[in-house]
PDB file of N, CA and C in Angstrom:
ATOM      1  N   MET A   1     199.866  31.623 113.313  1.00  0.00           N
ATOM      2  CA  MET A   1     199.464  32.987 113.544  1.00  0.00           C
ATOM      3  C   MET A   1     200.522  33.680 114.404  1.00  0.00           C
ATOM      4  N   LEU A   2     200.975  34.828 114.001  1.00  0.00           N
ATOM      5  CA  LEU A   2     201.935  35.597 114.764  1.00  0.00           C
ATOM      6  C   LEU A   2     201.208  36.386 115.848  1.00  0.00           C
ATOM      7  N   LYS A   3     201.856  36.500 117.018  1.00  0.00           N
ATOM      8  CA  LYS A   3     201.282  37.264 118.118  1.00  0.00           C
ATOM      9  C   LYS A   3     202.303  38.300 118.563  1.00  0.00           C
ATOM     10  N   VAL A   4     201.884  39.559 118.635  1.00  0.00           N
ATOM     11  CA  VAL A   4     202.765  40.643 119.059  1.00  0.00           C
ATOM     12  C   VAL A   4     202.558  40.886 120.550  1.00  0.00           C
ATOM     13  N   ASN A   5     203.661  40.938 121.301  1.00  0.00           N
ATOM     14  CA  ASN A   5     203.622  41.187 122.744  1.00  0.00           C
ATOM     15  C   ASN A   5     204.378  42.475 123.044  1.00  0.00           C
ATOM     16  N   GLU A   6     203.883  43.214 124.049  1.00  0.00           N
ATOM     17  CA  GLU A   6     204.535  44.452 124.456  1.00  0.00           C
ATOM     18  C   GLU A   6     204.561  44.499 125.980  1.00  0.00           C
ATOM     19  N   TYR A   7     205.720  44.824 126.555  1.00  0.00           N
ATOM     20  CA  TYR A   7     205.901  44.834 128.005  1.00  0.00           C
ATOM     21  C   TYR A   7     206.582  46.133 128.441  1.00  0.00           C
ATOM     22  N   PHE A   8     206.447  46.446 129.723  1.00  0.00           N
ATOM     23  CA  PHE A   8     207.160  47.575 130.331  1.00  0.00           C
ATOM     24  C   PHE A   8     206.941  48.873 129.554  1.00  0.00           C
ATOM     25  N   GLY A   9     205.671  49.142 129.252  1.00  0.00           N
ATOM     26  CA  GLY A   9     205.330  50.395 128.566  1.00  0.00           C
ATOM     27  C   GLY A   9     205.879  50.504 127.158  1.00  0.00           C
ATOM     28  N   GLY A  10     206.119  49.364 126.524  1.00  0.00           N
ATOM     29  CA  GLY A  10     206.597  49.356 125.140  1.00  0.00           C
ATOM     30  C   GLY A  10     208.091  49.312 124.982  1.00  0.00           C
ATOM     31  N   THR A  11     208.843  49.226 126.097  1.00  0.00           N
ATOM     32  CA  THR A  11     210.305  49.179 125.972  1.00  0.00           C
ATOM     33  C   THR A  11     210.822  47.779 125.648  1.00  0.00           C
ATOM     34  N   VAL A  12     209.940  46.769 125.768  1.00  0.00           N
ATOM     35  CA  VAL A  12     210.255  45.401 125.347  1.00  0.00           C
ATOM     36  C   VAL A  12     209.113  44.939 124.451  1.00  0.00           C
ATOM     37  N   LYS A  13     209.456  44.485 123.248  1.00  0.00           N
ATOM     38  CA  LYS A  13     208.449  44.001 122.303  1.00  0.00           C
ATOM     39  C   LYS A  13     208.927  42.704 121.687  1.00  0.00           C
ATOM     40  N   SER A  14     207.967  41.802 121.408  1.00  0.00           N
ATOM     41  CA  SER A  14     208.328  40.549 120.762  1.00  0.00           C
ATOM     42  C   SER A  14     207.209  40.082 119.841  1.00  0.00           C
ATOM     43  N   ILE A  15     207.581  39.227 118.925  1.00  0.00           N
ATOM     44  CA  ILE A  15     206.629  38.567 118.039  1.00  0.00           C
ATOM     45  C   ILE A  15     206.772  37.069 118.275  1.00  0.00           C
ATOM     46  N   ALA A  16     205.654  36.413 118.615  1.00  0.00           N
ATOM     47  CA  ALA A  16     205.660  34.976 118.887  1.00  0.00           C
ATOM     48  C   ALA A  16     205.328  34.208 117.614  1.00  0.00           C
ATOM     49  N   LEU A  17     205.962  33.049 117.484  1.00  0.00           N
ATOM     50  CA  LEU A  17     205.708  32.180 116.341  1.00  0.00           C
ATOM     51  C   LEU A  17     205.770  30.728 116.788  1.00  0.00           C
ATOM     52  N   GLU A  18     205.188  29.862 115.979  1.00  0.00           N
ATOM     53  CA  GLU A  18     205.264  28.424 116.231  1.00  0.00           C
ATOM     54  C   GLU A  18     205.569  27.753 114.910  1.00  0.00           C
ATOM     55  N   ASN A  19     206.686  26.991 114.886  1.00  0.00           N
ATOM     56  CA  ASN A  19     207.082  26.293 113.667  1.00  0.00           C
ATOM     57  C   ASN A  19     207.672  24.935 114.035  1.00  0.00           C
ATOM     58  N   ALA A  20     208.406  24.330 113.127  1.00  0.00           N
ATOM     59  CA  ALA A  20     208.965  22.999 113.358  1.00  0.00           C
ATOM     60  C   ALA A  20     209.925  22.958 114.544  1.00  0.00           C
ATOM     61  N   GLU A  21     210.553  24.082 114.868  1.00  0.00           N
ATOM     62  CA  GLU A  21     211.467  24.142 116.015  1.00  0.00           C
ATOM     63  C   GLU A  21     210.711  24.212 117.335  1.00  0.00           C
ATOM     64  N   GLY A  22     209.464  24.663 117.300  1.00  0.00           N
ATOM     65  CA  GLY A  22     208.656  24.806 118.505  1.00  0.00           C
ATOM     66  C   GLY A  22     208.098  26.204 118.616  1.00  0.00           C
ATOM     67  N   VAL A  23     207.746  26.595 119.828  1.00  0.00           N
ATOM     68  CA  VAL A  23     207.226  27.939 120.088  1.00  0.00           C
ATOM     69  C   VAL A  23     208.401  28.839 120.454  1.00  0.00           C
ATOM     70  N   ALA A  24     208.429  30.032 119.852  1.00  0.00           N
ATOM     71  CA  ALA A  24     209.545  30.945 120.083  1.00  0.00           C
ATOM     72  C   ALA A  24     209.064  32.381 119.974  1.00  0.00           C
ATOM     73  N   THR A  25     209.901  33.287 120.451  1.00  0.00           N
ATOM     74  CA  THR A  25     209.682  34.711 120.234  1.00  0.00           C
ATOM     75  C   THR A  25     210.962  35.336 119.705  1.00  0.00           C
ATOM     76  N   ILE A  26     210.770  36.334 118.882  1.00  0.00           N
ATOM     77  CA  ILE A  26     211.849  37.185 118.417  1.00  0.00           C
ATOM     78  C   ILE A  26     211.549  38.542 119.026  1.00  0.00           C
ATOM     79  N   GLY A  27     212.497  39.115 119.765  1.00  0.00           N
ATOM     80  CA  GLY A  27     212.166  40.348 120.461  1.00  0.00           C
ATOM     81  C   GLY A  27     213.288  41.354 120.508  1.00  0.00           C
ATOM     82  N   VAL A  28     212.919  42.545 120.965  1.00  0.00           N
ATOM     83  CA  VAL A  28     213.863  43.633 121.156  1.00  0.00           C
ATOM     84  C   VAL A  28     213.551  44.320 122.482  1.00  0.00           C
ATOM     85  N   MET A  29     214.585  44.886 123.083  1.00  0.00           N
ATOM     86  CA  MET A  29     214.379  45.670 124.300  1.00  0.00           C
ATOM     87  C   MET A  29     215.271  46.898 124.262  1.00  0.00           C
ATOM     88  N   GLU A  30     214.735  47.970 124.834  1.00  0.00           N
ATOM     89  CA  GLU A  30     215.483  49.211 124.976  1.00  0.00           C
ATOM     90  C   GLU A  30     216.423  49.092 126.166  1.00  0.00           C
ATOM     91  N   ASP A  31     217.375  49.993 126.220  1.00  0.00           N
ATOM     92  CA  ASP A  31     218.284  50.101 127.353  1.00  0.00           C
ATOM     93  C   ASP A  31     217.465  50.149 128.650  1.00  0.00           C
ATOM     94  N   GLY A  32     217.828  49.318 129.627  1.00  0.00           N
ATOM     95  CA  GLY A  32     217.114  49.322 130.900  1.00  0.00           C
ATOM     96  C   GLY A  32     217.243  48.001 131.628  1.00  0.00           C
ATOM     97  N   GLU A  33     216.629  47.944 132.808  1.00  0.00           N
ATOM     98  CA  GLU A  33     216.646  46.744 133.643  1.00  0.00           C
ATOM     99  C   GLU A  33     215.226  46.206 133.749  1.00  0.00           C
ATOM    100  N   TYR A  34     215.081  44.877 133.582  1.00  0.00           N
ATOM    101  CA  TYR A  34     213.763  44.250 133.539  1.00  0.00           C
ATOM    102  C   TYR A  34     213.779  42.941 134.327  1.00  0.00           C
ATOM    103  N   GLU A  35     212.609  42.563 134.852  1.00  0.00           N
ATOM    104  CA  GLU A  35     212.452  41.256 135.499  1.00  0.00           C
ATOM    105  C   GLU A  35     211.340  40.500 134.782  1.00  0.00           C
ATOM    106  N   PHE A  36     211.636  39.260 134.406  1.00  0.00           N
ATOM    107  CA  PHE A  36     210.688  38.411 133.689  1.00  0.00           C
ATOM    108  C   PHE A  36     210.409  37.153 134.499  1.00  0.00           C
ATOM    109  N   GLY A  37     209.263  36.544 134.251  1.00  0.00           N
ATOM    110  CA  GLY A  37     208.921  35.246 134.823  1.00  0.00           C
ATOM    111  C   GLY A  37     208.776  34.235 133.701  1.00  0.00           C
ATOM    112  N   THR A  38     209.015  32.978 134.023  1.00  0.00           N
ATOM    113  CA  THR A  38     208.936  31.919 133.015  1.00  0.00           C
ATOM    114  C   THR A  38     207.796  30.950 133.327  1.00  0.00           C
ATOM    115  N   GLY A  39     207.212  30.384 132.283  1.00  0.00           N
ATOM    116  CA  GLY A  39     206.208  29.340 132.421  1.00  0.00           C
ATOM    117  C   GLY A  39     206.706  28.014 131.869  1.00  0.00           C
ATOM    118  N   THR A  40     207.810  28.092 131.122  1.00  0.00           N
ATOM    119  CA  THR A  40     208.472  26.909 130.564  1.00  0.00           C
ATOM    120  C   THR A  40     209.973  27.147 130.674  1.00  0.00           C
ATOM    121  N   ILE A  41     210.753  26.154 130.298  1.00  0.00           N
ATOM    122  CA  ILE A  41     212.201  26.360 130.167  1.00  0.00           C
ATOM    123  C   ILE A  41     212.422  27.248 128.946  1.00  0.00           C
ATOM    124  N   GLU A  42     213.290  28.246 129.082  1.00  0.00           N
ATOM    125  CA  GLU A  42     213.551  29.176 127.986  1.00  0.00           C
ATOM    126  C   GLU A  42     215.028  29.167 127.605  1.00  0.00           C
ATOM    127  N   HIS A  43     215.271  29.060 126.318  1.00  0.00           N
ATOM    128  CA  HIS A  43     216.627  29.165 125.770  1.00  0.00           C
ATOM    129  C   HIS A  43     216.694  30.508 125.064  1.00  0.00           C
ATOM    130  N   MET A  44     217.429  31.459 125.632  1.00  0.00           N
ATOM    131  CA  MET A  44     217.500  32.801 125.066  1.00  0.00           C
ATOM    132  C   MET A  44     218.856  33.023 124.401  1.00  0.00           C
ATOM    133  N   THR A  45     218.805  33.400 123.134  1.00  0.00           N
ATOM    134  CA  THR A  45     220.006  33.684 122.365  1.00  0.00           C
ATOM    135  C   THR A  45     220.017  35.158 121.993  1.00  0.00           C
ATOM    136  N   ILE A  46     221.113  35.824 122.289  1.00  0.00           N
ATOM    137  CA  ILE A  46     221.259  37.235 121.947  1.00  0.00           C
ATOM    138  C   ILE A  46     221.614  37.314 120.463  1.00  0.00           C
ATOM    139  N   THR A  47     220.842  38.096 119.711  1.00  0.00           N
ATOM    140  CA  THR A  47     221.102  38.231 118.278  1.00  0.00           C
ATOM    141  C   THR A  47     221.722  39.580 117.922  1.00  0.00           C
ATOM    142  N   SER A  48     221.652  40.533 118.866  1.00  0.00           N
ATOM    143  CA  SER A  48     222.285  41.837 118.666  1.00  0.00           C
ATOM    144  C   SER A  48     222.394  42.529 120.018  1.00  0.00           C
ATOM    145  N   GLY A  49     223.514  43.173 120.271  1.00  0.00           N
ATOM    146  CA  GLY A  49     223.684  43.913 121.510  1.00  0.00           C
ATOM    147  C   GLY A  49     224.319  43.092 122.622  1.00  0.00           C
ATOM    148  N   ILE A  50     224.223  43.636 123.838  1.00  0.00           N
ATOM    149  CA  ILE A  50     224.818  43.029 125.033  1.00  0.00           C
ATOM    150  C   ILE A  50     223.758  42.990 126.120  1.00  0.00           C
ATOM    151  N   LEU A  51     223.601  41.824 126.770  1.00  0.00           N
ATOM    152  CA  LEU A  51     222.607  41.671 127.823  1.00  0.00           C
ATOM    153  C   LEU A  51     223.263  41.083 129.067  1.00  0.00           C
ATOM    154  N   ASP A  52     223.099  41.768 130.197  1.00  0.00           N
ATOM    155  CA  ASP A  52     223.531  41.238 131.488  1.00  0.00           C
ATOM    156  C   ASP A  52     222.349  40.497 132.100  1.00  0.00           C
ATOM    157  N   VAL A  53     222.622  39.320 132.674  1.00  0.00           N
ATOM    158  CA  VAL A  53     221.561  38.453 133.179  1.00  0.00           C
ATOM    159  C   VAL A  53     221.888  38.005 134.597  1.00  0.00           C
ATOM    160  N   MET A  54     220.873  38.020 135.461  1.00  0.00           N
ATOM    161  CA  MET A  54     221.002  37.441 136.793  1.00  0.00           C
ATOM    162  C   MET A  54     219.911  36.380 136.939  1.00  0.00           C
ATOM    163  N   LEU A  55     220.336  35.126 136.907  1.00  0.00           N
ATOM    164  CA  LEU A  55     219.410  33.998 137.030  1.00  0.00           C
ATOM    165  C   LEU A  55     219.109  33.729 138.497  1.00  0.00           C
ATOM    166  N   PRO A  56     218.038  33.006 138.792  1.00  0.00           N
ATOM    167  CA  PRO A  56     217.684  32.700 140.185  1.00  0.00           C
ATOM    168  C   PRO A  56     218.839  32.014 140.909  1.00  0.00           C
ATOM    169  N   GLY A  57     219.067  32.435 142.156  1.00  0.00           N
ATOM    170  CA  GLY A  57     220.119  31.844 142.967  1.00  0.00           C
ATOM    171  C   GLY A  57     221.495  32.437 142.738  1.00  0.00           C
ATOM    172  N   GLU A  58     221.641  33.277 141.716  1.00  0.00           N
ATOM    173  CA  GLU A  58     222.930  33.905 141.453  1.00  0.00           C
ATOM    174  C   GLU A  58     222.990  35.273 142.132  1.00  0.00           C
ATOM    175  N   THR A  59     224.196  35.735 142.413  1.00  0.00           N
ATOM    176  CA  THR A  59     224.369  37.026 143.081  1.00  0.00           C
ATOM    177  C   THR A  59     225.169  38.013 142.238  1.00  0.00           C
ATOM    178  N   VAL A  60     225.634  37.575 141.084  1.00  0.00           N
ATOM    179  CA  VAL A  60     226.374  38.454 140.176  1.00  0.00           C
ATOM    180  C   VAL A  60     225.751  38.381 138.786  1.00  0.00           C
ATOM    181  N   TRP A  61     225.921  39.447 138.038  1.00  0.00           N
ATOM    182  CA  TRP A  61     225.429  39.510 136.666  1.00  0.00           C
ATOM    183  C   TRP A  61     226.395  38.774 135.741  1.00  0.00           C
ATOM    184  N   THR A  62     225.854  38.063 134.755  1.00  0.00           N
ATOM    185  CA  THR A  62     226.645  37.417 133.710  1.00  0.00           C
ATOM    186  C   THR A  62     226.324  38.123 132.397  1.00  0.00           C
ATOM    187  N   THR A  63     227.356  38.471 131.638  1.00  0.00           N
ATOM    188  CA  THR A  63     227.182  39.198 130.387  1.00  0.00           C
ATOM    189  C   THR A  63     227.105  38.234 129.215  1.00  0.00           C
ATOM    190  N   TYR A  64     226.104  38.435 128.356  1.00  0.00           N
ATOM    191  CA  TYR A  64     225.929  37.631 127.145  1.00  0.00           C
ATOM    192  C   TYR A  64     226.013  38.551 125.937  1.00  0.00           C
ATOM    193  N   LEU A  65     226.791  38.107 124.954  1.00  0.00           N
ATOM    194  CA  LEU A  65     227.025  38.862 123.730  1.00  0.00           C
ATOM    195  C   LEU A  65     226.290  38.211 122.567  1.00  0.00           C
ATOM    196  N   LYS A  66     226.295  38.878 121.427  1.00  0.00           N
ATOM    197  CA  LYS A  66     225.670  38.355 120.213  1.00  0.00           C
ATOM    198  C   LYS A  66     226.117  36.914 119.965  1.00  0.00           C
ATOM    199  N   GLY A  67     225.144  36.028 119.744  1.00  0.00           N
ATOM    200  CA  GLY A  67     225.424  34.621 119.454  1.00  0.00           C
ATOM    201  C   GLY A  67     225.469  33.732 120.680  1.00  0.00           C
ATOM    202  N   GLU A  68     225.468  34.312 121.871  1.00  0.00           N
ATOM    203  CA  GLU A  68     225.530  33.509 123.094  1.00  0.00           C
ATOM    204  C   GLU A  68     224.117  33.220 123.615  1.00  0.00           C
ATOM    205  N   THR A  69     223.977  32.048 124.259  1.00  0.00           N
ATOM    206  CA  THR A  69     222.681  31.567 124.749  1.00  0.00           C
ATOM    207  C   THR A  69     222.756  31.278 126.237  1.00  0.00           C
ATOM    208  N   PHE A  70     221.688  31.600 126.948  1.00  0.00           N
ATOM    209  CA  PHE A  70     221.547  31.181 128.337  1.00  0.00           C
ATOM    210  C   PHE A  70     220.205  30.491 128.492  1.00  0.00           C
ATOM    211  N   ILE A  71     220.101  29.630 129.501  1.00  0.00           N
ATOM    212  CA  ILE A  71     218.893  28.830 129.729  1.00  0.00           C
ATOM    213  C   ILE A  71     218.301  29.209 131.073  1.00  0.00           C
ATOM    214  N   VAL A  72     216.979  29.443 131.075  1.00  0.00           N
ATOM    215  CA  VAL A  72     216.266  29.808 132.290  1.00  0.00           C
ATOM    216  C   VAL A  72     215.295  28.683 132.634  1.00  0.00           C
ATOM    217  N   ALA A  73     215.278  28.280 133.891  1.00  0.00           N
ATOM    218  CA  ALA A  73     214.401  27.200 134.352  1.00  0.00           C
ATOM    219  C   ALA A  73     212.928  27.617 134.287  1.00  0.00           C
ATOM    220  N   LYS A  74     212.061  26.646 134.395  1.00  0.00           N
ATOM    221  CA  LYS A  74     210.613  26.857 134.406  1.00  0.00           C
ATOM    222  C   LYS A  74     210.158  27.440 135.743  1.00  0.00           C
ATOM    223  N   ASP A  75     209.143  28.300 135.678  1.00  0.00           N
ATOM    224  CA  ASP A  75     208.472  28.856 136.862  1.00  0.00           C
ATOM    225  C   ASP A  75     209.407  29.615 137.803  1.00  0.00           C
ATOM    226  N   VAL A  76     210.268  30.450 137.239  1.00  0.00           N
ATOM    227  CA  VAL A  76     211.164  31.286 138.045  1.00  0.00           C
ATOM    228  C   VAL A  76     211.117  32.719 137.515  1.00  0.00           C
ATOM    229  N   LYS A  77     211.711  33.624 138.273  1.00  0.00           N
ATOM    230  CA  LYS A  77     211.891  35.002 137.831  1.00  0.00           C
ATOM    231  C   LYS A  77     213.380  35.238 137.634  1.00  0.00           C
ATOM    232  N   PHE A  78     213.714  36.045 136.631  1.00  0.00           N
ATOM    233  CA  PHE A  78     215.107  36.389 136.387  1.00  0.00           C
ATOM    234  C   PHE A  78     215.186  37.837 135.940  1.00  0.00           C
ATOM    235  N   LYS A  79     216.358  38.439 136.131  1.00  0.00           N
ATOM    236  CA  LYS A  79     216.561  39.853 135.802  1.00  0.00           C
ATOM    237  C   LYS A  79     217.515  39.991 134.629  1.00  0.00           C
ATOM    238  N   VAL A  80     217.273  41.022 133.826  1.00  0.00           N
ATOM    239  CA  VAL A  80     218.177  41.347 132.727  1.00  0.00           C
ATOM    240  C   VAL A  80     218.434  42.847 132.720  1.00  0.00           C
ATOM    241  N   LYS A  81     219.615  43.234 132.241  1.00  0.00           N
ATOM    242  CA  LYS A  81     219.965  44.633 132.018  1.00  0.00           C
ATOM    243  C   LYS A  81     220.430  44.758 130.568  1.00  0.00           C
ATOM    244  N   ALA A  82     219.683  45.512 129.794  1.00  0.00           N
ATOM    245  CA  ALA A  82     220.065  45.764 128.407  1.00  0.00           C
ATOM    246  C   ALA A  82     221.005  46.963 128.380  1.00  0.00           C
ATOM    247  N   ASN A  83     222.145  46.770 127.763  1.00  0.00           N
ATOM    248  CA  ASN A  83     223.138  47.830 127.611  1.00  0.00           C
ATOM    249  C   ASN A  83     222.980  48.414 126.216  1.00  0.00           C
ATOM    250  N   GLY A  84     222.026  49.312 126.045  1.00  0.00           N
ATOM    251  CA  GLY A  84     221.638  49.773 124.722  1.00  0.00           C
ATOM    252  C   GLY A  84     220.559  48.845 124.200  1.00  0.00           C
ATOM    253  N   GLN A  85     220.157  49.017 122.963  1.00  0.00           N
ATOM    254  CA  GLN A  85     219.130  48.157 122.391  1.00  0.00           C
ATOM    255  C   GLN A  85     219.676  46.744 122.204  1.00  0.00           C
ATOM    256  N   VAL A  86     218.831  45.769 122.530  1.00  0.00           N
ATOM    257  CA  VAL A  86     219.204  44.342 122.452  1.00  0.00           C
ATOM    258  C   VAL A  86     218.117  43.604 121.672  1.00  0.00           C
ATOM    259  N   ALA A  87     218.522  42.659 120.825  1.00  0.00           N
ATOM    260  CA  ALA A  87     217.590  41.772 120.146  1.00  0.00           C
ATOM    261  C   ALA A  87     217.881  40.345 120.581  1.00  0.00           C
ATOM    262  N   TYR A  88     216.814  39.524 120.636  1.00  0.00           N
ATOM    263  CA  TYR A  88     216.976  38.148 121.121  1.00  0.00           C
ATOM    264  C   TYR A  88     216.011  37.197 120.427  1.00  0.00           C
ATOM    265  N   TYR A  89     216.367  35.919 120.511  1.00  0.00           N
ATOM    266  CA  TYR A  89     215.513  34.815 120.064  1.00  0.00           C
ATOM    267  C   TYR A  89     215.314  33.931 121.280  1.00  0.00           C
ATOM    268  N   CYS A  90     214.065  33.664 121.633  1.00  0.00           N
ATOM    269  CA  CYS A  90     213.779  32.840 122.807  1.00  0.00           C
ATOM    270  C   CYS A  90     212.970  31.618 122.379  1.00  0.00           C
ATOM    271  N   LEU A  91     213.512  30.424 122.616  1.00  0.00           N
ATOM    272  CA  LEU A  91     212.839  29.168 122.313  1.00  0.00           C
ATOM    273  C   LEU A  91     212.300  28.591 123.615  1.00  0.00           C
ATOM    274  N   TYR A  92     211.002  28.261 123.609  1.00  0.00           N
ATOM    275  CA  TYR A  92     210.339  27.713 124.802  1.00  0.00           C
ATOM    276  C   TYR A  92     210.280  26.191 124.669  1.00  0.00           C
ATOM    277  N   VAL A  93     210.827  25.487 125.673  1.00  0.00           N
ATOM    278  CA  VAL A  93     210.845  24.015 125.612  1.00  0.00           C
ATOM    279  C   VAL A  93     210.159  23.392 126.812  1.00  0.00           C
TER     280      VAL A  93
END
């Protein structure tokens, strides 16, 4: 069963799925800065656009481009800045 999620007044939307790879979301976000929390380890791959990310314990933003992946630890908060519209694939492990 697909589940649609909407955050930050609709500026971030995703569709959740579960298949042989595991539980994942495919999502999009509008230009802006957002803070997310994790409940599992997340592998986020940018599928379109440019996303700046600040992971816990870091003091500078790291830029991720289409095709690049970053990993976020379980039970933490992290910040992202979308530079224009961004699409992503997030696998929860």
